[in-house]
Amino acid sequence: MRARRVTSTSILSDAQVREVVQGVRASFGPSFTDAITRHGIDLEDGVRFSPLAKRCAERREELGQTIKDAAAALQVPQYRLKAIESGHPKGIAKDVLQAYVVHLGLEAWYRRWAKANPEVAARCQSEGRSRTRR
């Protein structure tokens, strides 16, 4: 069986996520791991969220939009979309993420990602209050 090509937007399996996390920990050592933990960053969540962040950024660029364009279309502050595209799932509001996914036409891809990453998806969907302007 041939291995599939993994890219920055590939939805990783649990085994692949564990392998990446172990590799990062081994490469950067305990000082790095301790530092990111002190800053409230979960390495595994970051690895799982990263493909979604990258896919959003790539799709926005494919559509020829800047962050400013997308934020104006969604009537949200630019920093909310930058937070999504930065790859840090903590504090992302469900309504902004969902609106952005729909705006970008990534609903089917997002459903596959959420199915593969249910815990991270659930946390993204429950964090924060509504952040869209009305």
N, C-alpha and C. Protein backbone atom coordinates (compact mmCIF):
# COMPACT_ATOMS: atom_id res chain seq x y z
N MET A 1 0.84 -1.18 0.00
CA MET A 1 0.00 0.00 0.00
C MET A 1 0.88 1.24 0.00
N ARG A 2 0.56 2.18 -0.84
CA ARG A 2 1.34 3.41 -0.97
C ARG A 2 0.87 4.44 0.06
N ALA A 3 1.81 5.09 0.71
CA ALA A 3 1.48 6.13 1.69
C ALA A 3 1.00 7.38 0.97
N ARG A 4 0.03 8.05 1.56
CA ARG A 4 -0.47 9.27 0.94
C ARG A 4 0.51 10.41 1.22
N ARG A 5 0.54 11.34 0.30
CA ARG A 5 1.40 12.51 0.45
C ARG A 5 0.77 13.45 1.48
N VAL A 6 1.55 13.83 2.46
CA VAL A 6 1.08 14.72 3.51
C VAL A 6 1.55 16.13 3.20
N THR A 7 0.62 17.07 3.24
CA THR A 7 0.93 18.48 3.00
C THR A 7 0.53 19.29 4.24
N SER A 8 0.74 20.57 4.20
CA SER A 8 0.40 21.43 5.34
C SER A 8 -1.10 21.53 5.58
N THR A 9 -1.91 21.11 4.60
CA THR A 9 -3.36 21.13 4.78
C THR A 9 -3.95 19.72 4.89
N SER A 10 -3.10 18.72 5.01
CA SER A 10 -3.60 17.35 5.18
C SER A 10 -4.22 17.19 6.56
N ILE A 11 -5.34 16.51 6.61
CA ILE A 11 -5.96 16.18 7.88
C ILE A 11 -5.24 14.94 8.39
N LEU A 12 -4.54 15.09 9.49
CA LEU A 12 -3.70 14.01 10.01
C LEU A 12 -4.49 13.01 10.84
N SER A 13 -4.05 11.77 10.79
CA SER A 13 -4.63 10.73 11.64
C SER A 13 -4.11 10.94 13.06
N ASP A 14 -4.72 10.26 14.01
CA ASP A 14 -4.25 10.34 15.39
C ASP A 14 -2.79 9.90 15.50
N ALA A 15 -2.43 8.84 14.80
CA ALA A 15 -1.05 8.34 14.83
C ALA A 15 -0.08 9.38 14.26
N GLN A 16 -0.48 10.05 13.18
CA GLN A 16 0.38 11.08 12.58
C GLN A 16 0.53 12.27 13.51
N VAL A 17 -0.54 12.65 14.18
CA VAL A 17 -0.47 13.76 15.14
C VAL A 17 0.50 13.41 16.25
N ARG A 18 0.37 12.20 16.81
CA ARG A 18 1.29 11.77 17.88
C ARG A 18 2.74 11.80 17.40
N GLU A 19 2.96 11.35 16.17
CA GLU A 19 4.32 11.33 15.62
C GLU A 19 4.89 12.74 15.48
N VAL A 20 4.09 13.67 15.00
CA VAL A 20 4.54 15.05 14.85
C VAL A 20 4.84 15.66 16.22
N VAL A 21 3.93 15.47 17.17
CA VAL A 21 4.12 16.03 18.51
C VAL A 21 5.39 15.45 19.15
N GLN A 22 5.58 14.16 19.04
CA GLN A 22 6.78 13.54 19.58
C GLN A 22 8.04 14.09 18.90
N GLY A 23 7.98 14.28 17.60
CA GLY A 23 9.11 14.83 16.87
C GLY A 23 9.45 16.24 17.30
N VAL A 24 8.43 17.06 17.49
CA VAL A 24 8.66 18.44 17.94
C VAL A 24 9.27 18.43 19.33
N ARG A 25 8.71 17.62 20.21
CA ARG A 25 9.24 17.56 21.58
C ARG A 25 10.69 17.08 21.58
N ALA A 26 10.98 16.08 20.76
CA ALA A 26 12.35 15.55 20.70
C ALA A 26 13.30 16.58 20.09
N SER A 27 12.85 17.29 19.07
CA SER A 27 13.70 18.26 18.39
C SER A 27 14.00 19.49 19.23
N PHE A 28 12.98 19.98 19.93
CA PHE A 28 13.14 21.24 20.67
C PHE A 28 13.43 21.05 22.15
N GLY A 29 13.16 19.88 22.68
CA GLY A 29 13.51 19.57 24.06
C GLY A 29 12.52 20.06 25.09
N PRO A 30 12.78 19.69 26.33
CA PRO A 30 11.84 20.00 27.42
C PRO A 30 11.71 21.49 27.72
N SER A 31 12.73 22.28 27.48
CA SER A 31 12.62 23.73 27.74
C SER A 31 11.54 24.35 26.87
N PHE A 32 11.51 23.95 25.60
CA PHE A 32 10.49 24.45 24.67
C PHE A 32 9.11 23.98 25.11
N THR A 33 8.99 22.70 25.40
CA THR A 33 7.70 22.14 25.81
C THR A 33 7.19 22.84 27.06
N ASP A 34 8.07 23.04 28.04
CA ASP A 34 7.68 23.74 29.27
C ASP A 34 7.25 25.17 28.99
N ALA A 35 7.96 25.85 28.12
CA ALA A 35 7.65 27.26 27.80
C ALA A 35 6.28 27.39 27.13
N ILE A 36 6.01 26.54 26.17
CA ILE A 36 4.71 26.67 25.49
C ILE A 36 3.57 26.28 26.42
N THR A 37 3.81 25.32 27.29
CA THR A 37 2.79 24.93 28.26
C THR A 37 2.50 26.08 29.22
N ARG A 38 3.55 26.76 29.67
CA ARG A 38 3.37 27.93 30.56
C ARG A 38 2.56 29.03 29.89
N HIS A 39 2.66 29.12 28.58
CA HIS A 39 1.91 30.14 27.84
C HIS A 39 0.51 29.66 27.43
N GLY A 40 0.11 28.51 27.94
CA GLY A 40 -1.24 28.00 27.68
C GLY A 40 -1.42 27.42 26.29
N ILE A 41 -0.34 27.03 25.65
CA ILE A 41 -0.41 26.46 24.31
C ILE A 41 -0.36 24.95 24.40
N ASP A 42 -1.32 24.29 23.81
CA ASP A 42 -1.35 22.83 23.76
C ASP A 42 -0.77 22.42 22.41
N LEU A 43 0.37 21.77 22.43
CA LEU A 43 1.08 21.40 21.21
C LEU A 43 0.22 20.51 20.31
N GLU A 44 -0.45 19.53 20.90
CA GLU A 44 -1.29 18.64 20.09
C GLU A 44 -2.43 19.40 19.43
N ASP A 45 -3.08 20.29 20.19
CA ASP A 45 -4.16 21.09 19.60
C ASP A 45 -3.63 21.92 18.42
N GLY A 46 -2.44 22.49 18.60
CA GLY A 46 -1.85 23.28 17.52
C GLY A 46 -1.58 22.46 16.27
N VAL A 47 -1.08 21.24 16.46
CA VAL A 47 -0.82 20.35 15.32
C VAL A 47 -2.14 19.99 14.64
N ARG A 48 -3.16 19.73 15.42
CA ARG A 48 -4.46 19.36 14.85
C ARG A 48 -5.13 20.55 14.16
N PHE A 49 -4.98 21.76 14.72
CA PHE A 49 -5.64 22.94 14.16
C PHE A 49 -4.91 23.52 12.95
N SER A 50 -3.63 23.29 12.88
CA SER A 50 -2.80 23.89 11.84
C SER A 50 -3.31 23.66 10.40
N PRO A 51 -3.74 22.45 10.03
CA PRO A 51 -4.25 22.28 8.67
C PRO A 51 -5.47 23.14 8.36
N LEU A 52 -6.34 23.32 9.36
CA LEU A 52 -7.51 24.18 9.16
C LEU A 52 -7.08 25.63 8.96
N ALA A 53 -6.16 26.08 9.77
CA ALA A 53 -5.65 27.45 9.64
C ALA A 53 -5.04 27.67 8.26
N LYS A 54 -4.20 26.75 7.86
CA LYS A 54 -3.52 26.86 6.56
C LYS A 54 -4.52 26.79 5.41
N ARG A 55 -5.50 25.90 5.51
CA ARG A 55 -6.51 25.75 4.43
C ARG A 55 -7.32 27.03 4.30
N CYS A 56 -7.68 27.64 5.42
CA CYS A 56 -8.43 28.91 5.37
C CYS A 56 -7.60 29.99 4.67
N ALA A 57 -6.34 30.11 5.06
CA ALA A 57 -5.48 31.14 4.46
C ALA A 57 -5.31 30.89 2.96
N GLU A 58 -5.05 29.64 2.58
CA GLU A 58 -4.87 29.31 1.16
C GLU A 58 -6.13 29.61 0.36
N ARG A 59 -7.28 29.22 0.89
CA ARG A 59 -8.54 29.43 0.16
C ARG A 59 -8.84 30.92 0.02
N ARG A 60 -8.60 31.68 1.08
CA ARG A 60 -8.83 33.13 1.00
C ARG A 60 -7.97 33.73 -0.10
N GLU A 61 -6.70 33.30 -0.16
CA GLU A 61 -5.80 33.80 -1.20
C GLU A 61 -6.24 33.34 -2.59
N GLU A 62 -6.73 32.09 -2.71
CA GLU A 62 -7.26 31.60 -3.99
C GLU A 62 -8.41 32.47 -4.47
N LEU A 63 -9.20 32.96 -3.54
CA LEU A 63 -10.34 33.82 -3.87
C LEU A 63 -9.91 35.26 -4.16
N GLY A 64 -8.62 35.53 -4.00
CA GLY A 64 -8.09 36.87 -4.26
C GLY A 64 -8.47 37.88 -3.19
N GLN A 65 -8.69 37.42 -1.99
CA GLN A 65 -9.09 38.31 -0.90
C GLN A 65 -7.95 38.52 0.09
N THR A 66 -7.93 39.69 0.64
CA THR A 66 -7.04 39.99 1.76
C THR A 66 -7.82 39.70 3.04
N ILE A 67 -7.12 39.68 4.15
CA ILE A 67 -7.80 39.56 5.45
C ILE A 67 -8.80 40.70 5.60
N LYS A 68 -8.40 41.89 5.17
CA LYS A 68 -9.28 43.06 5.26
C LYS A 68 -10.57 42.85 4.46
N ASP A 69 -10.45 42.30 3.24
CA ASP A 69 -11.62 42.03 2.40
C ASP A 69 -12.57 41.04 3.08
N ALA A 70 -11.99 39.93 3.57
CA ALA A 70 -12.81 38.89 4.20
C ALA A 70 -13.48 39.41 5.47
N ALA A 71 -12.73 40.16 6.27
CA ALA A 71 -13.29 40.72 7.50
C ALA A 71 -14.43 41.67 7.19
N ALA A 72 -14.28 42.49 6.17
CA ALA A 72 -15.35 43.42 5.78
C ALA A 72 -16.59 42.65 5.32
N ALA A 73 -16.38 41.60 4.53
CA ALA A 73 -17.51 40.80 4.04
C ALA A 73 -18.26 40.13 5.19
N LEU A 74 -17.52 39.72 6.21
CA LEU A 74 -18.13 39.03 7.35
C LEU A 74 -18.53 39.98 8.48
N GLN A 75 -18.12 41.23 8.36
CA GLN A 75 -18.37 42.24 9.38
C GLN A 75 -17.81 41.82 10.74
N VAL A 76 -16.55 41.38 10.72
CA VAL A 76 -15.83 41.03 11.94
C VAL A 76 -14.49 41.75 11.92
N PRO A 77 -13.90 41.96 13.08
CA PRO A 77 -12.58 42.59 13.11
C PRO A 77 -11.54 41.68 12.43
N GLN A 78 -10.58 42.30 11.76
CA GLN A 78 -9.54 41.54 11.07
C GLN A 78 -8.79 40.61 12.01
N TYR A 79 -8.56 41.04 13.24
CA TYR A 79 -7.77 40.22 14.16
C TYR A 79 -8.45 38.88 14.46
N ARG A 80 -9.77 38.80 14.31
CA ARG A 80 -10.47 37.52 14.53
C ARG A 80 -10.09 36.51 13.44
N LEU A 81 -9.98 36.96 12.19
CA LEU A 81 -9.59 36.07 11.10
C LEU A 81 -8.11 35.75 11.17
N LYS A 82 -7.32 36.74 11.58
CA LYS A 82 -5.88 36.48 11.76
C LYS A 82 -5.66 35.43 12.84
N ALA A 83 -6.49 35.45 13.88
CA ALA A 83 -6.37 34.45 14.94
C ALA A 83 -6.63 33.05 14.39
N ILE A 84 -7.61 32.92 13.54
CA ILE A 84 -7.91 31.61 12.93
C ILE A 84 -6.74 31.17 12.07
N GLU A 85 -6.26 32.05 11.22
CA GLU A 85 -5.19 31.70 10.28
C GLU A 85 -3.83 31.54 10.96
N SER A 86 -3.70 32.00 12.19
CA SER A 86 -2.42 31.85 12.89
C SER A 86 -2.22 30.43 13.41
N GLY A 87 -3.31 29.66 13.47
CA GLY A 87 -3.19 28.26 13.88
C GLY A 87 -3.28 28.00 15.36
N HIS A 88 -3.80 28.96 16.12
CA HIS A 88 -3.95 28.77 17.56
C HIS A 88 -5.44 28.70 17.90
N PRO A 89 -5.94 27.51 18.20
CA PRO A 89 -7.38 27.34 18.38
C PRO A 89 -7.96 27.97 19.64
N LYS A 90 -7.14 28.27 20.61
CA LYS A 90 -7.66 28.79 21.87
C LYS A 90 -8.32 30.16 21.68
N GLY A 91 -9.55 30.26 22.15
CA GLY A 91 -10.24 31.53 22.13
C GLY A 91 -10.94 31.90 20.83
N ILE A 92 -10.98 30.99 19.88
CA ILE A 92 -11.66 31.29 18.61
C ILE A 92 -13.16 31.07 18.82
N ALA A 93 -13.95 32.07 18.47
CA ALA A 93 -15.39 32.00 18.66
C ALA A 93 -16.05 31.18 17.55
N LYS A 94 -17.00 30.36 17.96
CA LYS A 94 -17.71 29.47 17.04
C LYS A 94 -18.33 30.23 15.88
N ASP A 95 -19.01 31.32 16.15
CA ASP A 95 -19.71 32.01 15.08
C ASP A 95 -18.75 32.58 14.04
N VAL A 96 -17.61 33.07 14.47
CA VAL A 96 -16.64 33.63 13.53
C VAL A 96 -16.02 32.52 12.69
N LEU A 97 -15.61 31.44 13.34
CA LEU A 97 -15.03 30.32 12.61
C LEU A 97 -16.02 29.75 11.60
N GLN A 98 -17.24 29.52 12.04
CA GLN A 98 -18.25 28.95 11.14
C GLN A 98 -18.55 29.90 9.97
N ALA A 99 -18.69 31.19 10.25
CA ALA A 99 -18.95 32.16 9.19
C ALA A 99 -17.79 32.20 8.19
N TYR A 100 -16.58 32.11 8.70
CA TYR A 100 -15.39 32.15 7.82
C TYR A 100 -15.33 30.91 6.95
N VAL A 101 -15.60 29.76 7.52
CA VAL A 101 -15.60 28.50 6.76
C VAL A 101 -16.63 28.57 5.64
N VAL A 102 -17.82 29.06 5.95
CA VAL A 102 -18.87 29.19 4.93
C VAL A 102 -18.45 30.21 3.87
N HIS A 103 -17.95 31.35 4.30
CA HIS A 103 -17.50 32.40 3.38
C HIS A 103 -16.48 31.85 2.38
N LEU A 104 -15.60 30.99 2.88
CA LEU A 104 -14.54 30.43 2.04
C LEU A 104 -15.00 29.21 1.23
N GLY A 105 -16.20 28.72 1.49
CA GLY A 105 -16.70 27.55 0.78
C GLY A 105 -16.01 26.26 1.20
N LEU A 106 -15.63 26.18 2.45
CA LEU A 106 -14.88 25.03 2.96
C LEU A 106 -15.72 24.12 3.86
N GLU A 107 -17.03 24.17 3.75
CA GLU A 107 -17.89 23.41 4.66
C GLU A 107 -17.60 21.91 4.64
N ALA A 108 -17.50 21.32 3.46
CA ALA A 108 -17.25 19.87 3.37
C ALA A 108 -15.88 19.52 3.94
N TRP A 109 -14.87 20.30 3.61
CA TRP A 109 -13.53 20.06 4.14
C TRP A 109 -13.55 20.20 5.65
N TYR A 110 -14.20 21.23 6.18
CA TYR A 110 -14.28 21.45 7.62
C TYR A 110 -14.96 20.28 8.33
N ARG A 111 -16.03 19.74 7.74
CA ARG A 111 -16.70 18.59 8.35
C ARG A 111 -15.75 17.41 8.47
N ARG A 112 -14.93 17.17 7.44
CA ARG A 112 -13.94 16.08 7.51
C ARG A 112 -12.91 16.36 8.60
N TRP A 113 -12.46 17.61 8.66
CA TRP A 113 -11.48 17.98 9.69
C TRP A 113 -12.08 17.81 11.09
N ALA A 114 -13.30 18.29 11.29
CA ALA A 114 -13.95 18.20 12.60
C ALA A 114 -14.19 16.74 13.00
N LYS A 115 -14.52 15.91 12.05
CA LYS A 115 -14.72 14.48 12.35
C LYS A 115 -13.41 13.84 12.79
N ALA A 116 -12.30 14.23 12.19
CA ALA A 116 -10.99 13.69 12.55
C ALA A 116 -10.44 14.30 13.84
N ASN A 117 -10.95 15.47 14.22
CA ASN A 117 -10.45 16.21 15.38
C ASN A 117 -11.60 16.68 16.27
N PRO A 118 -12.43 15.76 16.74
CA PRO A 118 -13.65 16.18 17.44
C PRO A 118 -13.41 17.00 18.71
N GLU A 119 -12.36 16.68 19.45
CA GLU A 119 -12.12 17.42 20.69
C GLU A 119 -11.73 18.86 20.41
N VAL A 120 -10.83 19.06 19.47
CA VAL A 120 -10.40 20.42 19.13
C VAL A 120 -11.56 21.19 18.51
N ALA A 121 -12.30 20.54 17.63
CA ALA A 121 -13.45 21.20 16.99
C ALA A 121 -14.46 21.62 18.05
N ALA A 122 -14.72 20.76 19.01
CA ALA A 122 -15.69 21.09 20.07
C ALA A 122 -15.20 22.28 20.90
N ARG A 123 -13.92 22.30 21.21
CA ARG A 123 -13.38 23.43 21.98
C ARG A 123 -13.44 24.72 21.18
N CYS A 124 -13.14 24.65 19.90
CA CYS A 124 -13.21 25.85 19.06
C CYS A 124 -14.65 26.37 19.01
N GLN A 125 -15.59 25.44 19.00
CA GLN A 125 -16.98 25.82 18.87
C GLN A 125 -17.60 26.31 20.16
N SER A 126 -16.92 26.06 21.29
CA SER A 126 -17.51 26.47 22.56
C SER A 126 -16.77 27.63 23.21
N GLU A 127 -15.63 28.01 22.67
CA GLU A 127 -14.83 29.07 23.29
C GLU A 127 -15.37 30.44 22.92
N GLY A 128 -15.30 31.32 23.85
CA GLY A 128 -15.61 32.73 23.59
C GLY A 128 -17.09 33.00 23.39
N ARG A 129 -17.42 34.26 23.44
CA ARG A 129 -18.79 34.70 23.17
C ARG A 129 -18.87 35.11 21.72
N SER A 130 -20.06 35.48 21.30
CA SER A 130 -20.25 35.95 19.93
C SER A 130 -19.35 37.14 19.67
N ARG A 131 -18.69 37.10 18.53
CA ARG A 131 -17.74 38.17 18.23
C ARG A 131 -18.05 38.87 16.90
N THR A 132 -19.15 38.51 16.30
CA THR A 132 -19.50 39.20 15.05
C THR A 132 -20.24 40.48 15.37
N ARG A 133 -20.08 41.46 14.52
CA ARG A 133 -20.81 42.72 14.67
C ARG A 133 -22.20 42.54 14.07
N ARG A 134 -23.14 43.15 14.64
CA ARG A 134 -24.52 43.07 14.11
C ARG A 134 -24.90 44.38 13.50
